Protein backbone atom coordinates (compact mmCIF):
# COMPACT_ATOMS: atom_id res chain seq x y z
CA MET A 1 -6.46 21.92 3.31
CA ASN A 2 -3.73 21.20 5.86
CA ILE A 3 -3.05 17.46 5.55
CA LYS A 4 -1.52 15.81 8.61
CA GLY A 5 2.22 15.29 8.23
CA MET A 6 2.58 17.48 5.11
CA ASP A 7 4.67 20.10 6.91
CA ALA A 8 7.10 17.44 8.17
CA LEU A 9 7.35 15.96 4.69
CA ALA A 10 7.90 19.35 3.06
CA LYS A 11 10.97 19.94 5.25
CA HIS A 12 12.76 17.13 3.42
CA VAL A 13 11.19 17.39 -0.05
CA PRO A 14 11.84 20.91 -1.42
CA GLU A 15 9.37 20.47 -4.30
CA LEU A 16 6.47 20.36 -1.83
CA ASN A 17 7.10 23.99 -0.92
CA SER A 18 5.98 25.29 -4.31
CA THR A 19 2.95 24.79 -6.54
CA ASP A 20 5.17 23.97 -9.51
CA GLY A 21 7.01 21.32 -7.49
CA LYS A 22 3.78 19.71 -6.30
CA LEU A 23 2.53 19.65 -9.89
CA ARG A 24 5.70 17.90 -11.10
CA ILE A 25 5.38 15.25 -8.39
CA THR A 26 1.70 14.70 -9.23
CA LEU A 27 2.39 14.38 -12.96
CA TYR A 28 5.27 11.98 -12.25
CA ALA A 29 2.99 9.74 -10.16
CA ILE A 30 0.14 9.86 -12.71
CA GLY A 31 2.56 9.13 -15.54
CA LEU A 32 3.98 6.06 -13.80
CA PHE A 33 0.52 4.72 -12.99
CA THR A 34 -0.70 5.33 -16.55
CA LEU A 35 2.28 3.56 -18.14
CA VAL A 36 1.75 0.50 -15.94
CA ASN A 37 -1.90 0.25 -16.94
CA ILE A 38 -1.07 0.71 -20.63
CA TYR A 39 1.31 -2.22 -20.27
CA PHE A 40 -1.42 -4.32 -18.65
CA ILE A 41 -3.99 -3.44 -21.33
CA LEU A 42 -1.57 -4.43 -24.08
CA THR A 43 -0.39 -7.68 -22.49
CA ASP A 44 -3.91 -8.76 -21.52
CA ASN A 45 -4.50 -9.35 -25.22
CA ILE A 46 -1.84 -12.08 -25.21
CA PRO A 47 -3.13 -15.46 -23.92
CA THR A 48 -1.61 -16.56 -20.58
CA TRP A 49 0.20 -13.22 -20.09
CA SER A 50 -2.43 -11.66 -17.85
CA ILE A 51 -1.63 -13.56 -14.65
CA ASP A 52 2.09 -13.60 -15.47
CA SER A 53 2.11 -9.83 -15.88
CA GLU A 54 0.26 -9.36 -12.56
CA ILE A 55 2.85 -11.47 -10.74
CA ILE A 56 5.83 -9.84 -12.46
CA ILE A 57 4.66 -6.23 -12.06
CA SER A 58 3.59 -6.54 -8.42
CA SER A 59 6.81 -8.41 -7.55
CA LEU A 60 8.93 -5.82 -9.35
CA GLY A 61 7.07 -3.08 -7.50
CA PHE A 62 7.92 -4.56 -4.11
CA LEU A 63 11.51 -5.19 -5.24
CA LEU A 64 11.97 -1.52 -6.17
CA LEU A 65 10.36 -0.47 -2.91
CA SER A 66 12.78 -2.69 -1.00
CA PHE A 67 15.71 -0.77 -2.50
CA PHE A 68 14.36 2.34 -0.77
CA PHE A 69 15.16 0.55 2.51
CA SER A 70 18.29 -1.38 1.58
CA ARG A 71 20.10 1.56 -0.07
CA LYS A 72 19.41 3.99 2.76
CA GLN A 73 23.00 4.24 3.99
CA ALA A 74 24.42 4.63 0.49
CA TYR A 75 21.96 7.43 -0.29
CA LYS A 76 22.65 9.19 2.99
CA GLU A 77 26.37 9.20 2.25
CA LYS A 78 25.90 10.36 -1.35
CA TYR A 79 23.02 12.85 -1.11
CA LYS A 80 23.14 13.97 2.54
CA GLU A 81 20.01 16.09 3.26
CA LEU A 82 18.40 15.06 -0.04
CA ALA A 83 18.85 11.32 0.62
CA TYR A 84 15.19 10.70 1.43
CA ARG A 85 13.90 12.84 -1.43
CA ASN A 86 16.10 11.11 -4.02
CA ALA A 87 15.56 7.57 -2.74
CA PHE A 88 11.79 8.06 -2.70
CA SER A 89 11.89 9.43 -6.25
CA HIS A 90 14.19 6.69 -7.58
CA TYR A 91 12.67 3.66 -5.83
CA ALA A 92 9.54 4.25 -3.76
CA MET A 93 7.47 6.14 -6.31
CA PRO A 94 8.19 3.76 -9.23
CA GLY A 95 7.61 0.79 -6.92
CA LEU A 96 4.31 2.17 -5.67
CA GLY A 97 3.27 3.00 -9.23
CA LEU A 98 3.76 -0.64 -10.21
CA ILE A 99 1.95 -1.93 -7.12
CA PHE A 100 -1.06 0.37 -7.49
CA GLY A 101 -1.22 -0.45 -11.19
CA ALA A 102 -1.36 -4.16 -10.28
CA ILE A 103 -4.14 -3.46 -7.78
CA VAL A 104 -6.29 -1.73 -10.40
CA HIS A 105 -5.46 -4.45 -12.92
CA ALA A 106 -7.23 -6.95 -10.66
CA GLY A 107 -10.49 -5.27 -11.67
CA TYR A 108 -10.10 -5.85 -15.42
CA MET A 109 -7.57 -8.69 -15.70
CA ASN A 110 -8.18 -10.98 -18.67
CA GLY A 111 -8.49 -14.77 -18.50
CA PRO A 112 -11.10 -17.48 -17.84
CA PHE A 113 -14.15 -16.20 -16.01
CA VAL A 114 -15.88 -18.09 -13.23
CA PRO A 115 -19.10 -19.67 -14.62
CA VAL A 116 -22.30 -17.83 -13.68
CA GLY A 117 -24.26 -19.51 -10.87
CA TRP A 118 -25.72 -18.94 -7.42
CA TRP A 119 -22.23 -18.01 -6.22
CA THR A 120 -22.12 -15.01 -8.60
CA PHE A 121 -24.30 -12.94 -6.27
CA ILE A 122 -22.03 -13.84 -3.34
CA PHE A 123 -18.95 -12.80 -5.32
CA ILE A 124 -20.52 -9.46 -6.28
CA ALA A 125 -21.84 -8.69 -2.78
CA LEU A 126 -18.57 -9.68 -1.11
CA GLY A 127 -16.58 -7.81 -3.75
CA TRP A 128 -18.43 -4.54 -3.16
CA PHE A 129 -18.22 -5.02 0.60
CA MET A 130 -14.46 -5.59 0.49
CA LEU A 131 -13.90 -2.72 -1.95
CA CYS A 132 -15.91 -0.20 0.09
CA ILE A 133 -14.47 -1.26 3.45
CA GLY A 134 -10.95 -1.27 2.02
CA ALA A 135 -11.28 2.17 0.43
CA ILE A 136 -12.74 3.75 3.59
CA LEU A 137 -10.16 2.03 5.82
CA SER A 138 -7.28 3.22 3.63
CA ILE A 139 -8.48 6.83 3.48
CA ARG A 140 -9.31 7.02 7.20
CA SER A 141 -5.96 5.46 8.09
CA VAL A 142 -3.99 7.88 5.93
CA PHE A 143 -5.58 10.84 7.73
CA ALA A 144 -4.90 9.18 11.10
CA PHE A 145 -1.36 8.13 10.17
CA GLY A 146 -0.27 11.26 8.32
CA VAL A 147 1.33 11.52 4.89
CA ASP A 148 4.76 11.77 6.50
CA ASN A 149 4.46 8.23 7.86
CA LEU A 150 2.70 7.02 4.72
CA ALA A 151 5.59 8.31 2.60
CA LEU A 152 8.10 6.44 4.80
CA LEU A 153 9.82 9.67 5.82
CA TYR A 154 11.05 8.27 9.14
CA VAL A 155 12.93 5.41 7.51
CA TYR A 156 15.50 8.09 6.62
CA HIS A 157 14.79 10.39 9.58
CA PRO A 158 14.11 8.02 12.51
CA GLU A 159 14.96 10.67 15.09
CA GLU A 160 11.76 12.51 14.12
CA GLY A 161 9.44 9.49 14.20
CA ARG A 162 7.47 7.65 16.86
CA ILE A 163 5.28 4.56 17.22
CA ILE A 164 1.59 5.24 16.66
CA ASP A 165 -0.42 2.69 18.66
CA SER A 166 -3.68 4.50 19.38
CA GLY A 167 -6.96 4.68 17.46
CA ILE A 168 -7.02 2.31 14.50
CA TYR A 169 -3.35 1.49 15.21
CA GLY A 170 -4.45 -0.06 18.48
CA ILE A 171 -6.70 -2.39 16.45
CA LEU A 172 -4.53 -3.13 13.40
CA SER A 173 -0.79 -2.67 13.14
CA HIS A 174 -0.96 -2.11 9.36
CA PRO A 175 -4.39 -0.64 8.59
CA ILE A 176 -3.35 0.94 5.27
CA TYR A 177 -2.10 -2.41 4.00
CA ALA A 178 -5.29 -3.95 5.39
CA GLY A 179 -7.29 -1.48 3.29
CA ILE A 180 -5.22 -2.13 0.16
CA LEU A 181 -5.64 -5.87 0.69
CA ARG A 182 -9.44 -5.53 0.80
CA VAL A 183 -9.53 -3.28 -2.27
CA TRP A 184 -7.35 -5.73 -4.22
CA MET A 185 -9.51 -8.70 -3.27
CA GLY A 186 -12.74 -6.75 -3.83
CA LEU A 187 -11.75 -5.79 -7.38
CA ALA A 188 -10.79 -9.39 -8.11
CA LEU A 189 -14.19 -10.68 -6.92
CA LEU A 190 -16.09 -8.06 -8.92
CA ASN A 191 -14.05 -8.92 -12.00
CA GLY A 192 -15.11 -12.55 -11.63
CA ASN A 193 -11.96 -13.68 -13.40
CA ALA A 194 -10.43 -16.93 -12.18
CA ASN A 195 -6.87 -15.61 -12.59
CA SER A 196 -7.63 -12.49 -10.60
CA ILE A 197 -9.42 -14.36 -7.80
CA ILE A 198 -6.71 -17.01 -7.47
CA PHE A 199 -3.99 -14.35 -7.37
CA SER A 200 -5.89 -12.39 -4.71
CA ILE A 201 -5.87 -15.42 -2.40
CA PHE A 202 -2.09 -15.14 -2.13
CA ILE A 203 -2.02 -11.37 -1.53
CA PRO A 204 -2.18 -11.67 2.30
CA LEU A 205 0.81 -14.02 2.20
CA GLY A 206 2.76 -11.65 -0.02
CA LEU A 207 2.00 -8.61 2.14
CA THR A 208 2.89 -10.55 5.29
CA GLY A 209 6.23 -11.51 3.77
CA TRP A 210 6.93 -7.91 2.78
CA ILE A 211 6.04 -6.58 6.24
CA ARG A 212 8.08 -9.18 8.14
CA LEU A 213 11.14 -9.21 5.89
CA VAL A 214 11.41 -5.50 5.10
CA GLU A 215 9.25 -2.99 6.98
CA GLU A 216 9.21 -4.60 10.41
CA LYS A 217 12.95 -5.22 10.33
CA GLU A 218 13.32 -1.46 9.99
CA LEU A 219 10.82 -0.78 12.77
CA ILE A 220 12.40 -3.29 15.15
CA GLY A 221 15.77 -1.71 14.43
CA ARG A 222 14.36 1.68 15.46
CA PHE A 223 12.11 0.74 18.39
CA GLY A 224 13.38 -2.70 19.52
CA GLN A 225 11.30 -4.57 22.10
CA ILE A 226 8.64 -1.85 22.18
CA TYR A 227 7.69 -2.66 18.60
CA ARG A 228 7.97 -6.44 19.17
CA ASP A 229 5.44 -6.16 22.00
CA TYR A 230 3.16 -3.97 19.87
CA ARG A 231 3.31 -6.46 16.98
CA LYS A 232 2.53 -9.34 19.31
CA ARG A 233 -0.66 -7.79 20.67
CA THR A 234 -1.91 -6.13 17.46
CA PRO A 235 -2.91 -8.12 14.32
CA ALA A 236 -1.80 -6.76 10.95
CA PHE A 237 -4.87 -6.97 8.70
CA PHE A 238 -7.95 -8.35 10.44
CA PRO A 239 -9.22 -7.10 13.83
CA LYS A 240 -9.76 -9.38 16.79
CA LEU A 241 -13.40 -10.22 17.50
CA ARG A 242 -13.43 -8.06 20.62
CA ASN A 243 -12.32 -5.08 18.52
CA LEU A 244 -14.82 -5.46 15.67
CA LEU A 245 -17.17 -2.78 17.03
CA SER A 246 -14.30 -0.32 17.47
CA PHE A 247 -13.12 -1.17 13.95
CA TYR A 248 -16.46 -0.28 12.36
CA ILE A 249 -16.83 2.82 14.52
CA PHE A 250 -13.49 3.98 13.14
CA LEU A 251 -14.73 3.38 9.58
CA ILE A 252 -17.84 5.45 10.24
CA THR A 253 -16.41 8.28 12.32
CA GLY A 254 -12.68 8.22 11.60
CA GLY A 255 -11.97 8.38 15.32
């Protein structure tokens, strides 16, 4: 299957041009994700560590990911054509492994559970709704966005990139984050754990901070006023009321 953006990504990541290289990348990603979840399983058995571990691991994940941006010039000077490949391997992949591990952890995090009552049905129904919508939105957006954009290729190769502001990107400026946000909150609600639910309330604030302080600084540096105008008219996570129908049509059709 020819995935959108894979050819552009393969130009700068030599491993993607061979089956052996793709296998190594896949095993690296699976290994990182597995280690994070082993850590969570072990620390969940220690009272009070569950929520602390969630905060520490997710924060560390975003910190590592920020180095991918902040060390761009140093990596370009040191590694030249392999700057993107090495920076993604050293910072972005470990950071994403920690973040995705924290997302999954929301579904089994230990701690005090919310007492059973009439609200339990609401939590379960809303949890499944958020999880399904988030998963579909993330997958649809990846195919619309392309793996080259998803993998932050144009942070290191801005001359090859462009603003995407059509389709779902005319409705939400960060639909993949919007999907991840819904999945994270959905898992927390289905878990029914007070720690997980309380932490999920602050996820939109954390993602907003990340976008404004790191990603959008990069985008404004590349596109200037064009991106400022786009950000002003397009919400990040939740569609405007007038765009709700278009939002759900995108979820159903992908177009």
